[in-house]
Amino acid sequence: MSKNIKIALGAVLFFTSSLALACNYPDRPRMPDGATASKDELLAAKAEVQGYVAAVDEYLICVESTEQEAVAALENPTAEELQRRDELLSQKFDAANEEKALVGEQFNQQIRAYNQKRKDSSQ
């Protein structure tokens, strides 16, 4: 095998493995309209929301692990650099946790709309 082919294959393997380890933020779940949704649709949405929350938690574990590996690979990082990286990591965690809370509240709003629809139709 020629030297150029070996280098090209090595580069492909390196970038492929890097992509496999990349932390991907999960897609937000589909949120039905509680005023028109059926019970089954809301139960399916509940499962999607729970799956989303678990996927965000997995994303955060991946981000933290990736950051720890990146910091360990640094040669003589300054205290300022380490602090900046820690602040950025905290911002990612805060944003992801706020997003989980927002999705949960949006789901709860749809549950309240569904319950109100049922209450109105029973009167």
PDB file of N, CA and C in Angstrom:
ATOM      1  N   MET A   1       0.850  -1.172   0.000  1.00  0.00           N
ATOM      2  CA  MET A   1       0.000   0.000   0.000  1.00  0.00           C
ATOM      3  C   MET A   1       0.898   1.238   0.000  1.00  0.00           C
ATOM      4  N   SER A   2       0.563   2.208  -0.839  1.00  0.00           N
ATOM      5  CA  SER A   2       1.413   3.396  -0.901  1.00  0.00           C
ATOM      6  C   SER A   2       1.221   4.273   0.330  1.00  0.00           C
ATOM      7  N   LYS A   3       2.202   5.129   0.562  1.00  0.00           N
ATOM      8  CA  LYS A   3       2.184   6.008   1.726  1.00  0.00           C
ATOM      9  C   LYS A   3       0.965   6.935   1.692  1.00  0.00           C
ATOM     10  N   ASN A   4       0.616   7.453   0.539  1.00  0.00           N
ATOM     11  CA  ASN A   4      -0.528   8.374   0.416  1.00  0.00           C
ATOM     12  C   ASN A   4      -1.854   7.686   0.741  1.00  0.00           C
ATOM     13  N   ILE A   5      -1.995   6.463   0.330  1.00  0.00           N
ATOM     14  CA  ILE A   5      -3.226   5.722   0.616  1.00  0.00           C
ATOM     15  C   ILE A   5      -3.329   5.458   2.113  1.00  0.00           C
ATOM     16  N   LYS A   6      -2.209   5.090   2.739  1.00  0.00           N
ATOM     17  CA  LYS A   6      -2.208   4.864   4.186  1.00  0.00           C
ATOM     18  C   LYS A   6      -2.590   6.139   4.933  1.00  0.00           C
ATOM     19  N   ILE A   7      -2.065   7.256   4.500  1.00  0.00           N
ATOM     20  CA  ILE A   7      -2.384   8.541   5.140  1.00  0.00           C
ATOM     21  C   ILE A   7      -3.861   8.861   4.957  1.00  0.00           C
ATOM     22  N   ALA A   8      -4.367   8.658   3.758  1.00  0.00           N
ATOM     23  CA  ALA A   8      -5.774   8.944   3.484  1.00  0.00           C
ATOM     24  C   ALA A   8      -6.682   8.050   4.318  1.00  0.00           C
ATOM     25  N   LEU A   9      -6.360   6.765   4.405  1.00  0.00           N
ATOM     26  CA  LEU A   9      -7.164   5.854   5.215  1.00  0.00           C
ATOM     27  C   LEU A   9      -7.098   6.229   6.688  1.00  0.00           C
ATOM     28  N   GLY A  10      -5.934   6.612   7.154  1.00  0.00           N
ATOM     29  CA  GLY A  10      -5.791   7.044   8.538  1.00  0.00           C
ATOM     30  C   GLY A  10      -6.646   8.274   8.827  1.00  0.00           C
ATOM     31  N   ALA A  11      -6.651   9.220   7.905  1.00  0.00           N
ATOM     32  CA  ALA A  11      -7.457  10.429   8.081  1.00  0.00           C
ATOM     33  C   ALA A  11      -8.941  10.096   8.099  1.00  0.00           C
ATOM     34  N   VAL A  12      -9.370   9.208   7.208  1.00  0.00           N
ATOM     35  CA  VAL A  12     -10.781   8.812   7.173  1.00  0.00           C
ATOM     36  C   VAL A  12     -11.168   8.144   8.488  1.00  0.00           C
ATOM     37  N   LEU A  13     -10.348   7.236   8.972  1.00  0.00           N
ATOM     38  CA  LEU A  13     -10.643   6.564  10.233  1.00  0.00           C
ATOM     39  C   LEU A  13     -10.675   7.560  11.399  1.00  0.00           C
ATOM     40  N   PHE A  14      -9.743   8.500  11.402  1.00  0.00           N
ATOM     41  CA  PHE A  14      -9.696   9.488  12.477  1.00  0.00           C
ATOM     42  C   PHE A  14     -10.971  10.335  12.482  1.00  0.00           C
ATOM     43  N   PHE A  15     -11.356  10.874  11.335  1.00  0.00           N
ATOM     44  CA  PHE A  15     -12.527  11.741  11.287  1.00  0.00           C
ATOM     45  C   PHE A  15     -13.821  10.966  11.504  1.00  0.00           C
ATOM     46  N   THR A  16     -13.871   9.720  11.047  1.00  0.00           N
ATOM     47  CA  THR A  16     -15.060   8.904  11.274  1.00  0.00           C
ATOM     48  C   THR A  16     -15.227   8.612  12.761  1.00  0.00           C
ATOM     49  N   SER A  17     -14.143   8.272  13.437  1.00  0.00           N
ATOM     50  CA  SER A  17     -14.254   7.990  14.866  1.00  0.00           C
ATOM     51  C   SER A  17     -14.578   9.255  15.636  1.00  0.00           C
ATOM     52  N   SER A  18     -14.079  10.404  15.216  1.00  0.00           N
ATOM     53  CA  SER A  18     -14.399  11.670  15.882  1.00  0.00           C
ATOM     54  C   SER A  18     -15.880  11.978  15.745  1.00  0.00           C
ATOM     55  N   LEU A  19     -16.422  11.724  14.570  1.00  0.00           N
ATOM     56  CA  LEU A  19     -17.847  11.989  14.365  1.00  0.00           C
ATOM     57  C   LEU A  19     -18.706  11.045  15.189  1.00  0.00           C
ATOM     58  N   ALA A  20     -18.262   9.819  15.341  1.00  0.00           N
ATOM     59  CA  ALA A  20     -19.034   8.852  16.120  1.00  0.00           C
ATOM     60  C   ALA A  20     -19.086   9.261  17.587  1.00  0.00           C
ATOM     61  N   LEU A  21     -18.071   9.966  18.051  1.00  0.00           N
ATOM     62  CA  LEU A  21     -18.013  10.374  19.444  1.00  0.00           C
ATOM     63  C   LEU A  21     -18.611  11.755  19.683  1.00  0.00           C
ATOM     64  N   ALA A  22     -19.032  12.417  18.617  1.00  0.00           N
ATOM     65  CA  ALA A  22     -19.583  13.764  18.755  1.00  0.00           C
ATOM     66  C   ALA A  22     -20.866  13.729  19.577  1.00  0.00           C
ATOM     67  N   CYS A  23     -21.038  14.776  20.371  1.00  0.00           N
ATOM     68  CA  CYS A  23     -22.238  14.901  21.196  1.00  0.00           C
ATOM     69  C   CYS A  23     -23.298  15.635  20.386  1.00  0.00           C
ATOM     70  N   ASN A  24     -24.404  14.984  20.134  1.00  0.00           N
ATOM     71  CA  ASN A  24     -25.475  15.594  19.349  1.00  0.00           C
ATOM     72  C   ASN A  24     -26.655  15.928  20.245  1.00  0.00           C
ATOM     73  N   TYR A  25     -27.073  17.190  20.181  1.00  0.00           N
ATOM     74  CA  TYR A  25     -28.221  17.617  20.972  1.00  0.00           C
ATOM     75  C   TYR A  25     -29.481  16.991  20.370  1.00  0.00           C
ATOM     76  N   PRO A  26     -30.341  16.420  21.192  1.00  0.00           N
ATOM     77  CA  PRO A  26     -31.534  15.748  20.647  1.00  0.00           C
ATOM     78  C   PRO A  26     -32.557  16.749  20.109  1.00  0.00           C
ATOM     79  N   ASP A  27     -33.363  16.272  19.182  1.00  0.00           N
ATOM     80  CA  ASP A  27     -34.453  17.087  18.644  1.00  0.00           C
ATOM     81  C   ASP A  27     -35.553  17.209  19.685  1.00  0.00           C
ATOM     82  N   ARG A  28     -36.199  18.373  19.698  1.00  0.00           N
ATOM     83  CA  ARG A  28     -37.324  18.577  20.617  1.00  0.00           C
ATOM     84  C   ARG A  28     -38.466  17.646  20.208  1.00  0.00           C
ATOM     85  N   PRO A  29     -39.208  17.172  21.186  1.00  0.00           N
ATOM     86  CA  PRO A  29     -40.328  16.284  20.844  1.00  0.00           C
ATOM     87  C   PRO A  29     -41.483  17.065  20.216  1.00  0.00           C
ATOM     88  N   ARG A  30     -42.275  16.349  19.460  1.00  0.00           N
ATOM     89  CA  ARG A  30     -43.484  16.926  18.868  1.00  0.00           C
ATOM     90  C   ARG A  30     -44.481  17.144  19.999  1.00  0.00           C
ATOM     91  N   MET A  31     -45.097  18.310  20.005  1.00  0.00           N
ATOM     92  CA  MET A  31     -46.027  18.638  21.087  1.00  0.00           C
ATOM     93  C   MET A  31     -47.437  18.778  20.497  1.00  0.00           C
ATOM     94  N   PRO A  32     -48.351  17.878  20.868  1.00  0.00           N
ATOM     95  CA  PRO A  32     -49.718  17.981  20.341  1.00  0.00           C
ATOM     96  C   PRO A  32     -50.469  19.141  21.011  1.00  0.00           C
ATOM     97  N   ASP A  33     -51.519  19.581  20.362  1.00  0.00           N
ATOM     98  CA  ASP A  33     -52.385  20.614  20.925  1.00  0.00           C
ATOM     99  C   ASP A  33     -53.361  19.930  21.873  1.00  0.00           C
ATOM    100  N   GLY A  34     -53.225  20.224  23.152  1.00  0.00           N
ATOM    101  CA  GLY A  34     -54.062  19.579  24.161  1.00  0.00           C
ATOM    102  C   GLY A  34     -55.550  19.839  23.978  1.00  0.00           C
ATOM    103  N   ALA A  35     -55.895  20.933  23.341  1.00  0.00           N
ATOM    104  CA  ALA A  35     -57.307  21.266  23.135  1.00  0.00           C
ATOM    105  C   ALA A  35     -57.961  20.365  22.095  1.00  0.00           C
ATOM    106  N   THR A  36     -57.144  19.730  21.251  1.00  0.00           N
ATOM    107  CA  THR A  36     -57.713  18.876  20.207  1.00  0.00           C
ATOM    108  C   THR A  36     -57.163  17.446  20.240  1.00  0.00           C
ATOM    109  N   ALA A  37     -56.125  17.210  21.021  1.00  0.00           N
ATOM    110  CA  ALA A  37     -55.459  15.904  21.036  1.00  0.00           C
ATOM    111  C   ALA A  37     -56.280  14.869  21.794  1.00  0.00           C
ATOM    112  N   SER A  38     -56.079  13.622  21.408  1.00  0.00           N
ATOM    113  CA  SER A  38     -56.698  12.508  22.136  1.00  0.00           C
ATOM    114  C   SER A  38     -55.807  12.114  23.306  1.00  0.00           C
ATOM    115  N   LYS A  39     -56.351  11.291  24.177  1.00  0.00           N
ATOM    116  CA  LYS A  39     -55.575  10.793  25.315  1.00  0.00           C
ATOM    117  C   LYS A  39     -54.357  10.016  24.828  1.00  0.00           C
ATOM    118  N   ASP A  40     -54.547   9.200  23.799  1.00  0.00           N
ATOM    119  CA  ASP A  40     -53.435   8.409  23.265  1.00  0.00           C
ATOM    120  C   ASP A  40     -52.330   9.305  22.697  1.00  0.00           C
ATOM    121  N   GLU A  41     -52.720  10.389  22.036  1.00  0.00           N
ATOM    122  CA  GLU A  41     -51.720  11.323  21.507  1.00  0.00           C
ATOM    123  C   GLU A  41     -50.920  11.966  22.644  1.00  0.00           C
ATOM    124  N   LEU A  42     -51.607  12.307  23.728  1.00  0.00           N
ATOM    125  CA  LEU A  42     -50.914  12.897  24.870  1.00  0.00           C
ATOM    126  C   LEU A  42     -50.023  11.882  25.572  1.00  0.00           C
ATOM    127  N   LEU A  43     -50.451  10.643  25.652  1.00  0.00           N
ATOM    128  CA  LEU A  43     -49.604   9.613  26.244  1.00  0.00           C
ATOM    129  C   LEU A  43     -48.354   9.378  25.393  1.00  0.00           C
ATOM    130  N   ALA A  44     -48.523   9.409  24.077  1.00  0.00           N
ATOM    131  CA  ALA A  44     -47.368   9.267  23.183  1.00  0.00           C
ATOM    132  C   ALA A  44     -46.430  10.466  23.356  1.00  0.00           C
ATOM    133  N   ALA A  45     -46.998  11.653  23.485  1.00  0.00           N
ATOM    134  CA  ALA A  45     -46.180  12.848  23.692  1.00  0.00           C
ATOM    135  C   ALA A  45     -45.438  12.775  25.016  1.00  0.00           C
ATOM    136  N   LYS A  46     -46.097  12.236  26.031  1.00  0.00           N
ATOM    137  CA  LYS A  46     -45.447  12.079  27.335  1.00  0.00           C
ATOM    138  C   LYS A  46     -44.207  11.203  27.199  1.00  0.00           C
ATOM    139  N   ALA A  47     -44.345  10.101  26.464  1.00  0.00           N
ATOM    140  CA  ALA A  47     -43.206   9.207  26.255  1.00  0.00           C
ATOM    141  C   ALA A  47     -42.091   9.922  25.484  1.00  0.00           C
ATOM    142  N   GLU A  48     -42.474  10.735  24.501  1.00  0.00           N
ATOM    143  CA  GLU A  48     -41.481  11.490  23.738  1.00  0.00           C
ATOM    144  C   GLU A  48     -40.765  12.497  24.626  1.00  0.00           C
ATOM    145  N   VAL A  49     -41.509  13.181  25.484  1.00  0.00           N
ATOM    146  CA  VAL A  49     -40.910  14.159  26.395  1.00  0.00           C
ATOM    147  C   VAL A  49     -39.951  13.456  27.352  1.00  0.00           C
ATOM    148  N   GLN A  50     -40.366  12.332  27.896  1.00  0.00           N
ATOM    149  CA  GLN A  50     -39.488  11.579  28.804  1.00  0.00           C
ATOM    150  C   GLN A  50     -38.230  11.108  28.070  1.00  0.00           C
ATOM    151  N   GLY A  51     -38.387  10.660  26.836  1.00  0.00           N
ATOM    152  CA  GLY A  51     -37.235  10.248  26.032  1.00  0.00           C
ATOM    153  C   GLY A  51     -36.310  11.417  25.734  1.00  0.00           C
ATOM    154  N   TYR A  52     -36.907  12.576  25.479  1.00  0.00           N
ATOM    155  CA  TYR A  52     -36.125  13.787  25.213  1.00  0.00           C
ATOM    156  C   TYR A  52     -35.303  14.170  26.440  1.00  0.00           C
ATOM    157  N   VAL A  53     -35.929  14.154  27.606  1.00  0.00           N
ATOM    158  CA  VAL A  53     -35.223  14.505  28.840  1.00  0.00           C
ATOM    159  C   VAL A  53     -34.049  13.545  29.063  1.00  0.00           C
ATOM    160  N   ALA A  54     -34.281  12.266  28.845  1.00  0.00           N
ATOM    161  CA  ALA A  54     -33.206  11.276  29.001  1.00  0.00           C
ATOM    162  C   ALA A  54     -32.105  11.511  27.963  1.00  0.00           C
ATOM    163  N   ALA A  55     -32.481  11.854  26.736  1.00  0.00           N
ATOM    164  CA  ALA A  55     -31.490  12.103  25.689  1.00  0.00           C
ATOM    165  C   ALA A  55     -30.672  13.359  25.989  1.00  0.00           C
ATOM    166  N   VAL A  56     -31.295  14.388  26.552  1.00  0.00           N
ATOM    167  CA  VAL A  56     -30.549  15.594  26.936  1.00  0.00           C
ATOM    168  C   VAL A  56     -29.562  15.242  28.044  1.00  0.00           C
ATOM    169  N   ASP A  57     -29.987  14.419  28.991  1.00  0.00           N
ATOM    170  CA  ASP A  57     -29.080  14.000  30.054  1.00  0.00           C
ATOM    171  C   ASP A  57     -27.875  13.235  29.479  1.00  0.00           C
ATOM    172  N   GLU A  58     -28.120  12.374  28.506  1.00  0.00           N
ATOM    173  CA  GLU A  58     -27.031  11.650  27.843  1.00  0.00           C
ATOM    174  C   GLU A  58     -26.119  12.622  27.098  1.00  0.00           C
ATOM    175  N   TYR A  59     -26.721  13.619  26.442  1.00  0.00           N
ATOM    176  CA  TYR A  59     -25.946  14.643  25.749  1.00  0.00           C
ATOM    177  C   TYR A  59     -25.019  15.359  26.731  1.00  0.00           C
ATOM    178  N   LEU A  60     -25.541  15.716  27.897  1.00  0.00           N
ATOM    179  CA  LEU A  60     -24.735  16.436  28.882  1.00  0.00           C
ATOM    180  C   LEU A  60     -23.589  15.576  29.415  1.00  0.00           C
ATOM    181  N   ILE A  61     -23.839  14.296  29.586  1.00  0.00           N
ATOM    182  CA  ILE A  61     -22.766  13.385  30.008  1.00  0.00           C
ATOM    183  C   ILE A  61     -21.683  13.338  28.932  1.00  0.00           C
ATOM    184  N   CYS A  62     -22.100  13.281  27.689  1.00  0.00           N
ATOM    185  CA  CYS A  62     -21.162  13.258  26.572  1.00  0.00           C
ATOM    186  C   CYS A  62     -20.357  14.555  26.525  1.00  0.00           C
ATOM    187  N   VAL A  63     -21.034  15.690  26.669  1.00  0.00           N
ATOM    188  CA  VAL A  63     -20.356  16.984  26.627  1.00  0.00           C
ATOM    189  C   VAL A  63     -19.324  17.082  27.751  1.00  0.00           C
ATOM    190  N   GLU A  64     -19.716  16.664  28.937  1.00  0.00           N
ATOM    191  CA  GLU A  64     -18.803  16.737  30.075  1.00  0.00           C
ATOM    192  C   GLU A  64     -17.596  15.829  29.852  1.00  0.00           C
ATOM    193  N   SER A  65     -17.834  14.623  29.381  1.00  0.00           N
ATOM    194  CA  SER A  65     -16.747  13.683  29.119  1.00  0.00           C
ATOM    195  C   SER A  65     -15.809  14.214  28.039  1.00  0.00           C
ATOM    196  N   THR A  66     -16.373  14.754  26.979  1.00  0.00           N
ATOM    197  CA  THR A  66     -15.580  15.309  25.885  1.00  0.00           C
ATOM    198  C   THR A  66     -14.738  16.481  26.381  1.00  0.00           C
ATOM    199  N   GLU A  67     -15.326  17.316  27.213  1.00  0.00           N
ATOM    200  CA  GLU A  67     -14.592  18.464  27.753  1.00  0.00           C
ATOM    201  C   GLU A  67     -13.459  18.003  28.671  1.00  0.00           C
ATOM    202  N   GLN A  68     -13.721  17.008  29.490  1.00  0.00           N
ATOM    203  CA  GLN A  68     -12.669  16.482  30.367  1.00  0.00           C
ATOM    204  C   GLN A  68     -11.501  15.936  29.544  1.00  0.00           C
ATOM    205  N   GLU A  69     -11.815  15.238  28.467  1.00  0.00           N
ATOM    206  CA  GLU A  69     -10.764  14.702  27.594  1.00  0.00           C
ATOM    207  C   GLU A  69      -9.995  15.838  26.921  1.00  0.00           C
ATOM    208  N   ALA A  70     -10.710  16.880  26.505  1.00  0.00           N
ATOM    209  CA  ALA A  70     -10.057  18.012  25.848  1.00  0.00           C
ATOM    210  C   ALA A  70      -9.131  18.743  26.817  1.00  0.00           C
ATOM    211  N   VAL A  71      -9.582  18.931  28.035  1.00  0.00           N
ATOM    212  CA  VAL A  71      -8.757  19.605  29.043  1.00  0.00           C
ATOM    213  C   VAL A  71      -7.529  18.757  29.364  1.00  0.00           C
ATOM    214  N   ALA A  72      -7.710  17.458  29.470  1.00  0.00           N
ATOM    215  CA  ALA A  72      -6.584  16.570  29.771  1.00  0.00           C
ATOM    216  C   ALA A  72      -5.535  16.600  28.653  1.00  0.00           C
ATOM    217  N   ALA A  73      -5.970  16.864  27.441  1.00  0.00           N
ATOM    218  CA  ALA A  73      -5.058  16.892  26.304  1.00  0.00           C
ATOM    219  C   ALA A  73      -4.307  18.226  26.182  1.00  0.00           C
ATOM    220  N   LEU A  74      -4.731  19.237  26.903  1.00  0.00           N
ATOM    221  CA  LEU A  74      -4.070  20.540  26.835  1.00  0.00           C
ATOM    222  C   LEU A  74      -2.687  20.464  27.483  1.00  0.00           C
ATOM    223  N   GLU A  75      -1.763  21.167  26.876  1.00  0.00           N
ATOM    224  CA  GLU A  75      -0.427  21.248  27.455  1.00  0.00           C
ATOM    225  C   GLU A  75      -0.305  22.559  28.216  1.00  0.00           C
ATOM    226  N   ASN A  76      -0.095  22.480  29.501  1.00  0.00           N
ATOM    227  CA  ASN A  76       0.090  23.651  30.359  1.00  0.00           C
ATOM    228  C   ASN A  76      -1.007  24.703  30.201  1.00  0.00           C
ATOM    229  N   PRO A  77      -2.254  24.350  30.425  1.00  0.00           N
ATOM    230  CA  PRO A  77      -3.316  25.359  30.302  1.00  0.00           C
ATOM    231  C   PRO A  77      -3.195  26.390  31.429  1.00  0.00           C
ATOM    232  N   THR A  78      -3.568  27.612  31.107  1.00  0.00           N
ATOM    233  CA  THR A  78      -3.543  28.659  32.126  1.00  0.00           C
ATOM    234  C   THR A  78      -4.805  28.549  32.977  1.00  0.00           C
ATOM    235  N   ALA A  79      -4.763  29.150  34.148  1.00  0.00           N
ATOM    236  CA  ALA A  79      -5.931  29.153  35.030  1.00  0.00           C
ATOM    237  C   ALA A  79      -7.099  29.862  34.352  1.00  0.00           C
ATOM    238  N   GLU A  80      -6.784  30.927  33.607  1.00  0.00           N
ATOM    239  CA  GLU A  80      -7.842  31.670  32.902  1.00  0.00           C
ATOM    240  C   GLU A  80      -8.496  30.807  31.827  1.00  0.00           C
ATOM    241  N   GLU A  81      -7.679  30.048  31.118  1.00  0.00           N
ATOM    242  CA  GLU A  81      -8.226  29.176  30.077  1.00  0.00           C
ATOM    243  C   GLU A  81      -9.111  28.095  30.689  1.00  0.00           C
ATOM    244  N   LEU A  82      -8.654  27.511  31.787  1.00  0.00           N
ATOM    245  CA  LEU A  82      -9.458  26.491  32.453  1.00  0.00           C
ATOM    246  C   LEU A  82     -10.760  27.079  32.990  1.00  0.00           C
ATOM    247  N   GLN A  83     -10.696  28.285  33.534  1.00  0.00           N
ATOM    248  CA  GLN A  83     -11.908  28.936  34.037  1.00  0.00           C
ATOM    249  C   GLN A  83     -12.882  29.227  32.900  1.00  0.00           C
ATOM    250  N   ARG A  84     -12.360  29.717  31.765  1.00  0.00           N
ATOM    251  CA  ARG A  84     -13.211  30.015  30.611  1.00  0.00           C
ATOM    252  C   ARG A  84     -13.887  28.742  30.106  1.00  0.00           C
ATOM    253  N   ARG A  85     -13.149  27.670  30.021  1.00  0.00           N
ATOM    254  CA  ARG A  85     -13.718  26.403  29.562  1.00  0.00           C
ATOM    255  C   ARG A  85     -14.784  25.909  30.537  1.00  0.00           C
ATOM    256  N   ASP A  86     -14.524  26.063  31.835  1.00  0.00           N
ATOM    257  CA  ASP A  86     -15.492  25.648  32.850  1.00  0.00           C
ATOM    258  C   ASP A  86     -16.767  26.490  32.755  1.00  0.00           C
ATOM    259  N   GLU A  87     -16.608  27.783  32.514  1.00  0.00           N
ATOM    260  CA  GLU A  87     -17.779  28.663  32.366  1.00  0.00           C
ATOM    261  C   GLU A  87     -18.600  28.278  31.138  1.00  0.00           C
ATOM    262  N   LEU A  88     -17.918  27.975  30.038  1.00  0.00           N
ATOM    263  CA  LEU A  88     -18.637  27.560  28.829  1.00  0.00           C
ATOM    264  C   LEU A  88     -19.380  26.249  29.052  1.00  0.00           C
ATOM    265  N   LEU A  89     -18.756  25.324  29.761  1.00  0.00           N
ATOM    266  CA  LEU A  89     -19.410  24.053  30.069  1.00  0.00           C
ATOM    267  C   LEU A  89     -20.641  24.300  30.939  1.00  0.00           C
ATOM    268  N   SER A  90     -20.507  25.173  31.927  1.00  0.00           N
ATOM    269  CA  SER A  90     -21.645  25.504  32.793  1.00  0.00           C
ATOM    270  C   SER A  90     -22.777  26.136  31.997  1.00  0.00           C
ATOM    271  N   GLN A  91     -22.434  26.972  31.028  1.00  0.00           N
ATOM    272  CA  GLN A  91     -23.462  27.596  30.185  1.00  0.00           C
ATOM    273  C   GLN A  91     -24.202  26.544  29.365  1.00  0.00           C
ATOM    274  N   LYS A  92     -23.476  25.569  28.849  1.00  0.00           N
ATOM    275  CA  LYS A  92     -24.127  24.489  28.093  1.00  0.00           C
ATOM    276  C   LYS A  92     -25.086  23.713  28.991  1.00  0.00           C
ATOM    277  N   PHE A  93     -24.630  23.402  30.207  1.00  0.00           N
ATOM    278  CA  PHE A  93     -25.485  22.672  31.148  1.00  0.00           C
ATOM    279  C   PHE A  93     -26.722  23.491  31.503  1.00  0.00           C
ATOM    280  N   ASP A  94     -26.524  24.778  31.792  1.00  0.00           N
ATOM    281  CA  ASP A  94     -27.654  25.639  32.156  1.00  0.00           C
ATOM    282  C   ASP A  94     -28.662  25.730  31.021  1.00  0.00           C
ATOM    283  N   ALA A  95     -28.183  25.928  29.795  1.00  0.00           N
ATOM    284  CA  ALA A  95     -29.081  26.050  28.646  1.00  0.00           C
ATOM    285  C   ALA A  95     -29.859  24.756  28.414  1.00  0.00           C
ATOM    286  N   ALA A  96     -29.179  23.626  28.510  1.00  0.00           N
ATOM    287  CA  ALA A  96     -29.851  22.343  28.286  1.00  0.00           C
ATOM    288  C   ALA A  96     -30.884  22.074  29.371  1.00  0.00           C
ATOM    289  N   ASN A  97     -30.547  22.384  30.616  1.00  0.00           N
ATOM    290  CA  ASN A  97     -31.504  22.173  31.702  1.00  0.00           C
ATOM    291  C   ASN A  97     -32.690  23.125  31.608  1.00  0.00           C
ATOM    292  N   GLU A  98     -32.457  24.360  31.165  1.00  0.00           N
ATOM    293  CA  GLU A  98     -33.568  25.293  30.948  1.00  0.00           C
ATOM    294  C   GLU A  98     -34.469  24.788  29.826  1.00  0.00           C
ATOM    295  N   GLU A  99     -33.869  24.226  28.794  1.00  0.00           N
ATOM    296  CA  GLU A  99     -34.651  23.691  27.673  1.00  0.00           C
ATOM    297  C   GLU A  99     -35.510  22.509  28.128  1.00  0.00           C
ATOM    298  N   LYS A 100     -34.942  21.642  28.972  1.00  0.00           N
ATOM    299  CA  LYS A 100     -35.730  20.522  29.505  1.00  0.00           C
ATOM    300  C   LYS A 100     -36.927  21.047  30.299  1.00  0.00           C
ATOM    301  N   ALA A 101     -36.696  22.060  31.119  1.00  0.00           N
ATOM    302  CA  ALA A 101     -37.788  22.631  31.919  1.00  0.00           C
ATOM    303  C   ALA A 101     -38.837  23.273  31.020  1.00  0.00           C
ATOM    304  N   LEU A 102     -38.405  23.942  29.965  1.00  0.00           N
ATOM    305  CA  LEU A 102     -39.343  24.574  29.034  1.00  0.00           C
ATOM    306  C   LEU A 102     -40.200  23.530  28.326  1.00  0.00           C
ATOM    307  N   VAL A 103     -39.583  22.464  27.859  1.00  0.00           N
ATOM    308  CA  VAL A 103     -40.332  21.399  27.183  1.00  0.00           C
ATOM    309  C   VAL A 103     -41.323  20.770  28.159  1.00  0.00           C
ATOM    310  N   GLY A 104     -40.896  20.549  29.387  1.00  0.00           N
ATOM    311  CA  GLY A 104     -41.803  19.995  30.395  1.00  0.00           C
ATOM    312  C   GLY A 104     -42.982  20.918  30.659  1.00  0.00           C
ATOM    313  N   GLU A 105     -42.728  22.214  30.751  1.00  0.00           N
ATOM    314  CA  GLU A 105     -43.817  23.165  30.987  1.00  0.00           C
ATOM    315  C   GLU A 105     -44.755  23.232  29.784  1.00  0.00           C
ATOM    316  N   GLN A 106     -44.213  23.186  28.584  1.00  0.00           N
ATOM    317  CA  GLN A 106     -45.070  23.186  27.388  1.00  0.00           C
ATOM    318  C   GLN A 106     -45.956  21.948  27.376  1.00  0.00           C
ATOM    319  N   PHE A 107     -45.414  20.811  27.758  1.00  0.00           N
ATOM    320  CA  PHE A 107     -46.223  19.598  27.823  1.00  0.00           C
ATOM    321  C   PHE A 107     -47.315  19.747  28.879  1.00  0.00           C
ATOM    322  N   ASN A 108     -46.951  20.281  30.037  1.00  0.00           N
ATOM    323  CA  ASN A 108     -47.946  20.479  31.099  1.00  0.00           C
ATOM    324  C   ASN A 108     -49.054  21.430  30.666  1.00  0.00           C
ATOM    325  N   GLN A 109     -48.731  22.437  29.878  1.00  0.00           N
ATOM    326  CA  GLN A 109     -49.754  23.342  29.351  1.00  0.00           C
ATOM    327  C   GLN A 109     -50.740  22.581  28.473  1.00  0.00           C
ATOM    328  N   GLN A 110     -50.230  21.662  27.678  1.00  0.00           N
ATOM    329  CA  GLN A 110     -51.109  20.882  26.803  1.00  0.00           C
ATOM    330  C   GLN A 110     -51.969  19.913  27.622  1.00  0.00           C
ATOM    331  N   ILE A 111     -51.435  19.396  28.699  1.00  0.00           N
ATOM    332  CA  ILE A 111     -52.231  18.543  29.596  1.00  0.00           C
ATOM    333  C   ILE A 111     -53.354  19.369  30.217  1.00  0.00           C
ATOM    334  N   ARG A 112     -53.032  20.591  30.648  1.00  0.00           N
ATOM    335  CA  ARG A 112     -54.065  21.452  31.229  1.00  0.00           C
ATOM    336  C   ARG A 112     -55.135  21.784  30.193  1.00  0.00           C
ATOM    337  N   ALA A 113     -54.735  22.030  28.953  1.00  0.00           N
ATOM    338  CA  ALA A 113     -55.711  22.310  27.892  1.00  0.00           C
ATOM    339  C   ALA A 113     -56.593  21.089  27.639  1.00  0.00           C
ATOM    340  N   TYR A 114     -55.996  19.899  27.650  1.00  0.00           N
ATOM    341  CA  TYR A 114     -56.754  18.661  27.465  1.00  0.00           C
ATOM    342  C   TYR A 114     -57.758  18.477  28.599  1.00  0.00           C
ATOM    343  N   ASN A 115     -57.303  18.679  29.830  1.00  0.00           N
ATOM    344  CA  ASN A 115     -58.195  18.530  30.985  1.00  0.00           C
ATOM    345  C   ASN A 115     -59.324  19.553  30.959  1.00  0.00           C
ATOM    346  N   GLN A 116     -59.017  20.767  30.517  1.00  0.00           N
ATOM    347  CA  GLN A 116     -60.057  21.793  30.412  1.00  0.00           C
ATOM    348  C   GLN A 116     -61.071  21.407  29.343  1.00  0.00           C
ATOM    349  N   LYS A 117     -60.594  20.845  28.224  1.00  0.00           N
ATOM    350  CA  LYS A 117     -61.492  20.397  27.146  1.00  0.00           C
ATOM    351  C   LYS A 117     -62.421  19.320  27.686  1.00  0.00           C
ATOM    352  N   ARG A 118     -61.897  18.375  28.429  1.00  0.00           N
ATOM    353  CA  ARG A 118     -62.716  17.306  28.996  1.00  0.00           C
ATOM    354  C   ARG A 118     -63.736  17.873  30.003  1.00  0.00           C
ATOM    355  N   LYS A 119     -63.298  18.809  30.804  1.00  0.00           N
ATOM    356  CA  LYS A 119     -64.184  19.430  31.797  1.00  0.00           C
ATOM    357  C   LYS A 119     -65.314  20.188  31.097  1.00  0.00           C
ATOM    358  N   ASP A 120     -64.966  20.935  30.053  1.00  0.00           N
ATOM    359  CA  ASP A 120     -65.980  21.706  29.323  1.00  0.00           C
ATOM    360  C   ASP A 120     -66.981  20.801  28.613  1.00  0.00           C
ATOM    361  N   SER A 121     -66.505  19.680  28.081  1.00  0.00           N
ATOM    362  CA  SER A 121     -67.412  18.792  27.349  1.00  0.00           C
ATOM    363  C   SER A 121     -68.310  17.974  28.281  1.00  0.00           C
ATOM    364  N   SER A 122     -67.939  17.872  29.544  1.00  0.00           N
ATOM    365  CA  SER A 122     -68.752  17.098  30.476  1.00  0.00           C
ATOM    366  C   SER A 122     -69.828  17.947  31.158  1.00  0.00           C
ATOM    367  N   GLN A 123     -69.792  19.234  30.922  1.00  0.00           N
ATOM    368  CA  GLN A 123     -70.790  20.101  31.554  1.00  0.00           C
ATOM    369  C   GLN A 123     -72.059  20.213  30.759  1.00  0.00           C
TER     370      GLN A 123
END
